[in-house]
PDB file of N, CA and C in Angstrom:
ATOM      1  N   UNK A   1      -6.064  14.918 -22.162  1.00  0.00           N
ATOM      2  CA  UNK A   1      -5.730  13.356 -22.171  1.00  0.00           C
ATOM      3  C   UNK A   1      -5.867  12.960 -20.727  1.00  0.00           C
ATOM      4  N   UNK A   2      -6.711  11.730 -20.746  1.00  0.00           N
ATOM      5  CA  UNK A   2      -6.984  11.213 -19.511  1.00  0.00           C
ATOM      6  C   UNK A   2      -5.873  10.330 -18.693  1.00  0.00           C
ATOM      7  N   UNK A   3      -5.861   9.866 -17.711  1.00  0.00           N
ATOM      8  CA  UNK A   3      -4.832   8.937 -17.238  1.00  0.00           C
ATOM      9  C   UNK A   3      -4.444   7.914 -17.778  1.00  0.00           C
ATOM     10  N   UNK A   4      -5.558   7.038 -18.309  1.00  0.00           N
ATOM     11  CA  UNK A   4      -5.278   5.871 -19.203  1.00  0.00           C
ATOM     12  C   UNK A   4      -4.351   6.353 -20.343  1.00  0.00           C
ATOM     13  N   UNK A   5      -4.806   7.235 -21.011  1.00  0.00           N
ATOM     14  CA  UNK A   5      -3.986   7.602 -22.229  1.00  0.00           C
ATOM     15  C   UNK A   5      -2.443   8.038 -21.947  1.00  0.00           C
ATOM     16  N   UNK A   6      -2.327   8.628 -20.666  1.00  0.00           N
ATOM     17  CA  UNK A   6      -1.107   8.892 -20.345  1.00  0.00           C
ATOM     18  C   UNK A   6      -0.340   7.644 -20.219  1.00  0.00           C
ATOM     19  N   UNK A   7      -0.909   6.510 -19.402  1.00  0.00           N
ATOM     20  CA  UNK A   7      -0.307   5.385 -19.065  1.00  0.00           C
ATOM     21  C   UNK A   7       0.106   4.735 -20.483  1.00  0.00           C
ATOM     22  N   UNK A   8      -0.716   4.613 -21.325  1.00  0.00           N
ATOM     23  CA  UNK A   8      -0.475   3.932 -22.587  1.00  0.00           C
ATOM     24  C   UNK A   8       0.580   4.552 -23.388  1.00  0.00           C
ATOM     25  N   UNK A   9       0.509   6.005 -23.323  1.00  0.00           N
ATOM     26  CA  UNK A   9       1.740   6.551 -24.035  1.00  0.00           C
ATOM     27  C   UNK A   9       2.914   6.586 -23.410  1.00  0.00           C
ATOM     28  N   UNK A  10       3.051   6.460 -21.932  1.00  0.00           N
ATOM     29  CA  UNK A  10       4.361   6.104 -21.327  1.00  0.00           C
ATOM     30  C   UNK A  10       4.841   4.921 -21.543  1.00  0.00           C
ATOM     31  N   UNK A  11       3.958   3.850 -21.460  1.00  0.00           N
ATOM     32  CA  UNK A  11       4.082   2.268 -21.763  1.00  0.00           C
ATOM     33  C   UNK A  11       4.836   2.177 -22.979  1.00  0.00           C
ATOM     34  N   UNK A  12       4.229   2.630 -23.889  1.00  0.00           N
ATOM     35  CA  UNK A  12       4.618   2.745 -25.452  1.00  0.00           C
ATOM     36  C   UNK A  12       6.173   3.323 -25.435  1.00  0.00           C
ATOM     37  N   UNK A  13       6.424   4.427 -24.767  1.00  0.00           N
ATOM     38  CA  UNK A  13       7.727   4.815 -24.819  1.00  0.00           C
ATOM     39  C   UNK A  13       8.634   4.169 -24.125  1.00  0.00           C
ATOM     40  N   UNK A  14       8.166   3.576 -22.725  1.00  0.00           N
ATOM     41  CA  UNK A  14       8.990   2.685 -22.040  1.00  0.00           C
ATOM     42  C   UNK A  14       9.368   1.490 -22.673  1.00  0.00           C
ATOM     43  N   UNK A  15       8.530   0.863 -23.419  1.00  0.00           N
ATOM     44  CA  UNK A  15       8.943  -0.422 -24.233  1.00  0.00           C
ATOM     45  C   UNK A  15       9.976  -0.051 -25.264  1.00  0.00           C
ATOM     46  N   UNK A  16      10.076   1.143 -25.795  1.00  0.00           N
ATOM     47  CA  UNK A  16      11.022   1.311 -26.906  1.00  0.00           C
ATOM     48  C   UNK A  16      12.471   1.501 -26.318  1.00  0.00           C
ATOM     49  N   UNK A  17      12.605   1.717 -24.904  1.00  0.00           N
ATOM     50  CA  UNK A  17      13.987   1.983 -24.288  1.00  0.00           C
ATOM     51  C   UNK A  17      14.732   0.903 -24.405  1.00  0.00           C
ATOM     52  N   UNK A  18      16.080   0.968 -24.858  1.00  0.00           N
ATOM     53  CA  UNK A  18      17.010  -0.275 -24.875  1.00  0.00           C
ATOM     54  C   UNK A  18      18.150   0.093 -23.887  1.00  0.00           C
ATOM     55  N   UNK A  19      18.083   1.169 -23.125  1.00  0.00           N
ATOM     56  CA  UNK A  19      19.260   1.565 -22.314  1.00  0.00           C
ATOM     57  C   UNK A  19      19.003   1.147 -20.831  1.00  0.00           C
ATOM     58  N   UNK A  20      19.519   0.065 -20.389  1.00  0.00           N
ATOM     59  CA  UNK A  20      19.427  -0.372 -18.973  1.00  0.00           C
ATOM     60  C   UNK A  20      19.498   0.853 -18.034  1.00  0.00           C
ATOM     61  N   UNK A  21      20.374   1.791 -18.184  1.00  0.00           N
ATOM     62  CA  UNK A  21      20.558   2.876 -17.145  1.00  0.00           C
ATOM     63  C   UNK A  21      19.161   3.720 -17.091  1.00  0.00           C
ATOM     64  N   UNK A  22      18.659   3.885 -18.323  1.00  0.00           N
ATOM     65  CA  UNK A  22      17.294   4.784 -18.162  1.00  0.00           C
ATOM     66  C   UNK A  22      16.238   3.962 -17.670  1.00  0.00           C
ATOM     67  N   UNK A  23      16.147   2.855 -17.913  1.00  0.00           N
ATOM     68  CA  UNK A  23      15.165   1.732 -17.315  1.00  0.00           C
ATOM     69  C   UNK A  23      15.340   1.799 -15.646  1.00  0.00           C
ATOM     70  N   UNK A  24      16.724   1.772 -15.299  1.00  0.00           N
ATOM     71  CA  UNK A  24      16.822   1.817 -13.832  1.00  0.00           C
ATOM     72  C   UNK A  24      16.465   2.946 -13.119  1.00  0.00           C
ATOM     73  N   UNK A  25      16.802   4.159 -13.949  1.00  0.00           N
ATOM     74  CA  UNK A  25      16.412   5.639 -13.535  1.00  0.00           C
ATOM     75  C   UNK A  25      14.816   5.548 -13.339  1.00  0.00           C
ATOM     76  N   UNK A  26      14.026   5.286 -14.371  1.00  0.00           N
ATOM     77  CA  UNK A  26      12.879   5.304 -14.489  1.00  0.00           C
ATOM     78  C   UNK A  26      12.205   4.525 -13.392  1.00  0.00           C
ATOM     79  N   UNK A  27      12.650   3.172 -13.182  1.00  0.00           N
ATOM     80  CA  UNK A  27      12.194   2.336 -11.944  1.00  0.00           C
ATOM     81  C   UNK A  27      12.358   2.980 -10.629  1.00  0.00           C
ATOM     82  N   UNK A  28      13.900   3.647 -10.432  1.00  0.00           N
ATOM     83  CA  UNK A  28      13.948   4.220  -9.173  1.00  0.00           C
ATOM     84  C   UNK A  28      12.957   5.449  -8.830  1.00  0.00           C
ATOM     85  N   UNK A  29      12.760   6.226  -9.934  1.00  0.00           N
ATOM     86  CA  UNK A  29      11.859   7.578  -9.812  1.00  0.00           C
ATOM     87  C   UNK A  29      10.573   7.057  -9.390  1.00  0.00           C
ATOM     88  N   UNK A  30      10.205   5.918 -10.077  1.00  0.00           N
ATOM     89  CA  UNK A  30       8.593   5.581  -9.797  1.00  0.00           C
ATOM     90  C   UNK A  30       8.720   4.956  -8.366  1.00  0.00           C
ATOM     91  N   UNK A  31       9.639   4.324  -7.673  1.00  0.00           N
ATOM     92  CA  UNK A  31       9.733   3.800  -6.560  1.00  0.00           C
ATOM     93  C   UNK A  31       9.815   4.920  -5.281  1.00  0.00           C
ATOM     94  N   UNK A  32      10.524   5.898  -5.812  1.00  0.00           N
ATOM     95  CA  UNK A  32      10.692   6.908  -4.887  1.00  0.00           C
ATOM     96  C   UNK A  32       9.381   7.767  -4.664  1.00  0.00           C
ATOM     97  N   UNK A  33       8.624   7.979  -5.892  1.00  0.00           N
ATOM     98  CA  UNK A  33       7.454   8.844  -5.789  1.00  0.00           C
ATOM     99  C   UNK A  33       6.526   8.062  -4.932  1.00  0.00           C
ATOM    100  N   UNK A  34       6.420   6.604  -5.208  1.00  0.00           N
ATOM    101  CA  UNK A  34       5.663   5.657  -4.411  1.00  0.00           C
ATOM    102  C   UNK A  34       5.595   5.847  -2.840  1.00  0.00           C
ATOM    103  N   UNK A  35       7.090   5.957  -2.736  1.00  0.00           N
ATOM    104  CA  UNK A  35       7.440   6.029  -1.115  1.00  0.00           C
ATOM    105  C   UNK A  35       6.992   7.369  -0.524  1.00  0.00           C
ATOM    106  N   UNK A  36       7.193   8.421  -1.230  1.00  0.00           N
ATOM    107  CA  UNK A  36       6.816   9.875  -0.903  1.00  0.00           C
ATOM    108  C   UNK A  36       5.305   9.758  -0.606  1.00  0.00           C
ATOM    109  N   UNK A  37       4.429   9.232  -1.481  1.00  0.00           N
ATOM    110  CA  UNK A  37       2.967   9.270  -1.396  1.00  0.00           C
ATOM    111  C   UNK A  37       2.647   8.619   0.020  1.00  0.00           C
ATOM    112  N   UNK A  38       3.256   7.344   0.228  1.00  0.00           N
ATOM    113  CA  UNK A  38       3.082   6.516   1.396  1.00  0.00           C
ATOM    114  C   UNK A  38       3.286   7.384   2.827  1.00  0.00           C
ATOM    115  N   UNK A  39       4.516   7.891   2.602  1.00  0.00           N
ATOM    116  CA  UNK A  39       5.059   8.822   3.631  1.00  0.00           C
ATOM    117  C   UNK A  39       4.195   9.958   3.985  1.00  0.00           C
ATOM    118  N   UNK A  40       3.502  10.540   3.093  1.00  0.00           N
ATOM    119  CA  UNK A  40       2.746  11.532   3.236  1.00  0.00           C
ATOM    120  C   UNK A  40       1.297  11.355   3.861  1.00  0.00           C
ATOM    121  N   UNK A  41       1.037  10.103   3.601  1.00  0.00           N
ATOM    122  CA  UNK A  41      -0.168   9.851   4.380  1.00  0.00           C
ATOM    123  C   UNK A  41      -0.127   9.071   5.697  1.00  0.00           C
ATOM    124  N   UNK A  42       1.280   8.806   6.311  1.00  0.00           N
ATOM    125  CA  UNK A  42       1.451   8.388   7.440  1.00  0.00           C
ATOM    126  C   UNK A  42       1.323   9.419   8.516  1.00  0.00           C
ATOM    127  N   UNK A  43       0.706   9.386   9.596  1.00  0.00           N
ATOM    128  CA  UNK A  43       0.779  10.300  10.523  1.00  0.00           C
ATOM    129  C   UNK A  43       1.000   9.606  11.975  1.00  0.00           C
ATOM    130  N   UNK A  44       1.935  10.250  12.652  1.00  0.00           N
ATOM    131  CA  UNK A  44       2.496   9.504  13.981  1.00  0.00           C
ATOM    132  C   UNK A  44       1.118   9.641  14.967  1.00  0.00           C
ATOM    133  N   UNK A  45       1.225   8.554  15.794  1.00  0.00           N
ATOM    134  CA  UNK A  45       0.178   8.376  16.758  1.00  0.00           C
ATOM    135  C   UNK A  45       0.626   9.233  18.094  1.00  0.00           C
ATOM    136  N   UNK A  46      -0.224   9.746  18.762  1.00  0.00           N
ATOM    137  CA  UNK A  46       0.207  10.315  20.193  1.00  0.00           C
ATOM    138  C   UNK A  46       0.144   9.125  21.032  1.00  0.00           C
ATOM    139  N   UNK A  47       0.748   9.293  22.270  1.00  0.00           N
ATOM    140  CA  UNK A  47       0.902   8.319  23.195  1.00  0.00           C
ATOM    141  C   UNK A  47      -0.484   7.855  23.575  1.00  0.00           C
ATOM    142  N   UNK A  48      -1.468   8.770  23.822  1.00  0.00           N
ATOM    143  CA  UNK A  48      -2.856   8.582  24.112  1.00  0.00           C
ATOM    144  C   UNK A  48      -3.454   7.609  23.106  1.00  0.00           C
ATOM    145  N   UNK A  49      -3.334   8.070  21.822  1.00  0.00           N
ATOM    146  CA  UNK A  49      -3.976   7.216  20.826  1.00  0.00           C
ATOM    147  C   UNK A  49      -3.517   5.810  20.670  1.00  0.00           C
ATOM    148  N   UNK A  50      -2.200   5.600  20.785  1.00  0.00           N
ATOM    149  CA  UNK A  50      -1.609   4.278  20.973  1.00  0.00           C
ATOM    150  C   UNK A  50      -2.311   3.590  21.937  1.00  0.00           C
ATOM    151  N   UNK A  51      -2.300   4.129  23.200  1.00  0.00           N
ATOM    152  CA  UNK A  51      -2.702   3.548  24.383  1.00  0.00           C
ATOM    153  C   UNK A  51      -4.242   2.919  24.194  1.00  0.00           C
ATOM    154  N   UNK A  52      -4.986   3.924  23.539  1.00  0.00           N
ATOM    155  CA  UNK A  52      -6.212   3.644  23.329  1.00  0.00           C
ATOM    156  C   UNK A  52      -6.498   2.474  22.472  1.00  0.00           C
ATOM    157  N   UNK A  53      -5.864   2.475  21.405  1.00  0.00           N
ATOM    158  CA  UNK A  53      -5.812   1.305  20.276  1.00  0.00           C
ATOM    159  C   UNK A  53      -5.373   0.021  21.078  1.00  0.00           C
ATOM    160  N   UNK A  54      -4.492  -0.020  22.017  1.00  0.00           N
ATOM    161  CA  UNK A  54      -3.830  -1.018  22.712  1.00  0.00           C
ATOM    162  C   UNK A  54      -5.080  -1.493  23.631  1.00  0.00           C
ATOM    163  N   UNK A  55      -5.745  -0.741  24.374  1.00  0.00           N
ATOM    164  CA  UNK A  55      -6.902  -1.123  25.347  1.00  0.00           C
ATOM    165  C   UNK A  55      -7.987  -1.766  24.679  1.00  0.00           C
ATOM    166  N   UNK A  56      -8.454  -1.176  23.469  1.00  0.00           N
ATOM    167  CA  UNK A  56      -9.288  -1.666  22.538  1.00  0.00           C
ATOM    168  C   UNK A  56      -8.996  -3.051  22.056  1.00  0.00           C
ATOM    169  N   UNK A  57      -7.859  -3.310  21.566  1.00  0.00           N
ATOM    170  CA  UNK A  57      -7.419  -4.689  21.125  1.00  0.00           C
ATOM    171  C   UNK A  57      -7.262  -5.630  22.300  1.00  0.00           C
ATOM    172  N   UNK A  58      -6.987  -5.301  23.484  1.00  0.00           N
ATOM    173  CA  UNK A  58      -6.988  -6.173  24.637  1.00  0.00           C
ATOM    174  C   UNK A  58      -8.221  -6.579  24.843  1.00  0.00           C
ATOM    175  N   UNK A  59      -9.270  -5.581  24.856  1.00  0.00           N
ATOM    176  CA  UNK A  59     -10.685  -5.975  25.226  1.00  0.00           C
ATOM    177  C   UNK A  59     -11.169  -6.843  24.133  1.00  0.00           C
ATOM    178  N   UNK A  60     -10.889  -6.532  22.897  1.00  0.00           N
ATOM    179  CA  UNK A  60     -11.313  -7.463  21.801  1.00  0.00           C
ATOM    180  C   UNK A  60     -10.911  -8.981  22.205  1.00  0.00           C
ATOM    181  N   UNK A  61      -9.725  -9.050  22.497  1.00  0.00           N
ATOM    182  CA  UNK A  61      -9.233 -10.577  22.709  1.00  0.00           C
ATOM    183  C   UNK A  61      -9.868 -10.845  23.903  1.00  0.00           C
ATOM    184  N   UNK A  62     -10.077 -10.235  24.972  1.00  0.00           N
ATOM    185  CA  UNK A  62     -10.899 -10.773  26.181  1.00  0.00           C
ATOM    186  C   UNK A  62     -12.233 -11.140  25.731  1.00  0.00           C
ATOM    187  N   UNK A  63     -12.876 -10.527  24.922  1.00  0.00           N
ATOM    188  CA  UNK A  63     -14.151 -10.835  24.547  1.00  0.00           C
ATOM    189  C   UNK A  63     -14.484 -11.685  23.315  1.00  0.00           C
ATOM    190  N   UNK A  64     -13.234 -12.210  22.883  1.00  0.00           N
ATOM    191  CA  UNK A  64     -13.394 -13.179  21.798  1.00  0.00           C
ATOM    192  C   UNK A  64     -13.594 -12.646  20.475  1.00  0.00           C
ATOM    193  N   UNK A  65     -13.442 -11.245  20.355  1.00  0.00           N
ATOM    194  CA  UNK A  65     -13.584 -10.603  19.108  1.00  0.00           C
ATOM    195  C   UNK A  65     -12.400 -10.834  18.129  1.00  0.00           C
ATOM    196  N   UNK A  66     -11.987 -11.859  17.721  1.00  0.00           N
ATOM    197  CA  UNK A  66     -10.751 -12.148  17.083  1.00  0.00           C
ATOM    198  C   UNK A  66     -11.032 -13.253  15.951  1.00  0.00           C
ATOM    199  N   UNK A  67     -10.233 -13.412  14.886  1.00  0.00           N
ATOM    200  CA  UNK A  67     -10.435 -14.345  14.026  1.00  0.00           C
ATOM    201  C   UNK A  67      -9.059 -15.253  13.782  1.00  0.00           C
ATOM    202  N   UNK A  68      -9.195 -16.395  13.574  1.00  0.00           N
ATOM    203  CA  UNK A  68      -7.883 -17.102  13.222  1.00  0.00           C
ATOM    204  C   UNK A  68      -7.538 -17.076  11.818  1.00  0.00           C
ATOM    205  N   UNK A  69      -6.351 -17.580  11.448  1.00  0.00           N
ATOM    206  CA  UNK A  69      -5.830 -17.449  10.096  1.00  0.00           C
ATOM    207  C   UNK A  69      -6.747 -18.049   8.925  1.00  0.00           C
ATOM    208  N   UNK A  70      -7.458 -19.256   9.185  1.00  0.00           N
ATOM    209  CA  UNK A  70      -8.345 -19.614   8.413  1.00  0.00           C
ATOM    210  C   UNK A  70      -9.717 -18.877   7.998  1.00  0.00           C
ATOM    211  N   UNK A  71     -10.068 -18.182   9.161  1.00  0.00           N
ATOM    212  CA  UNK A  71     -11.154 -17.298   9.282  1.00  0.00           C
ATOM    213  C   UNK A  71     -10.937 -16.104   8.372  1.00  0.00           C
ATOM    214  N   UNK A  72      -9.862 -15.634   8.466  1.00  0.00           N
ATOM    215  CA  UNK A  72      -9.447 -14.533   7.650  1.00  0.00           C
ATOM    216  C   UNK A  72      -9.176 -14.688   6.333  1.00  0.00           C
ATOM    217  N   UNK A  73      -8.639 -15.958   5.984  1.00  0.00           N
ATOM    218  CA  UNK A  73      -8.345 -16.362   4.649  1.00  0.00           C
ATOM    219  C   UNK A  73      -9.724 -16.523   3.909  1.00  0.00           C
ATOM    220  N   UNK A  74     -10.589 -17.246   4.691  1.00  0.00           N
ATOM    221  CA  UNK A  74     -12.021 -17.385   4.055  1.00  0.00           C
ATOM    222  C   UNK A  74     -12.699 -16.124   3.711  1.00  0.00           C
ATOM    223  N   UNK A  75     -12.612 -15.072   4.756  1.00  0.00           N
ATOM    224  CA  UNK A  75     -13.202 -13.739   4.426  1.00  0.00           C
ATOM    225  C   UNK A  75     -12.767 -13.175   3.348  1.00  0.00           C
ATOM    226  N   UNK A  76     -11.495 -13.327   3.028  1.00  0.00           N
ATOM    227  CA  UNK A  76     -10.816 -12.460   1.686  1.00  0.00           C
ATOM    228  C   UNK A  76     -11.169 -13.155   0.563  1.00  0.00           C
ATOM    229  N   UNK A  77     -11.302 -14.414   0.658  1.00  0.00           N
ATOM    230  CA  UNK A  77     -11.606 -15.426  -0.518  1.00  0.00           C
ATOM    231  C   UNK A  77     -13.144 -15.114  -1.005  1.00  0.00           C
ATOM    232  N   UNK A  78     -13.984 -14.784   0.004  1.00  0.00           N
ATOM    233  CA  UNK A  78     -15.370 -14.225  -0.386  1.00  0.00           C
ATOM    234  C   UNK A  78     -15.507 -13.031  -1.120  1.00  0.00           C
ATOM    235  N   UNK A  79     -14.667 -12.238  -0.924  1.00  0.00           N
ATOM    236  CA  UNK A  79     -14.730 -10.935  -1.291  1.00  0.00           C
ATOM    237  C   UNK A  79     -14.398 -10.745  -3.068  1.00  0.00           C
ATOM    238  N   UNK A  80     -15.037  -9.867  -3.616  1.00  0.00           N
ATOM    239  CA  UNK A  80     -14.903  -9.796  -5.111  1.00  0.00           C
ATOM    240  C   UNK A  80     -13.461  -8.991  -5.413  1.00  0.00           C
TER     241      UNK A  80
END
């Protein structure tokens, strides 16, 4: 069974649940699992990495390599 079939099966079961306690438990479980995945992907930076990023950002500002809010919004509106 592929992931889409699993999703459909789960959704079908979920829609049949009439107990709010069970729905809250399922929602909490899903939220906790998402938080774990995000936490697993995060990696703390060393002081040297942070300093390097800060220097690059400051250089970008000095060189004018920045975008304002309108430019950013326009950029993302163009993307598919």
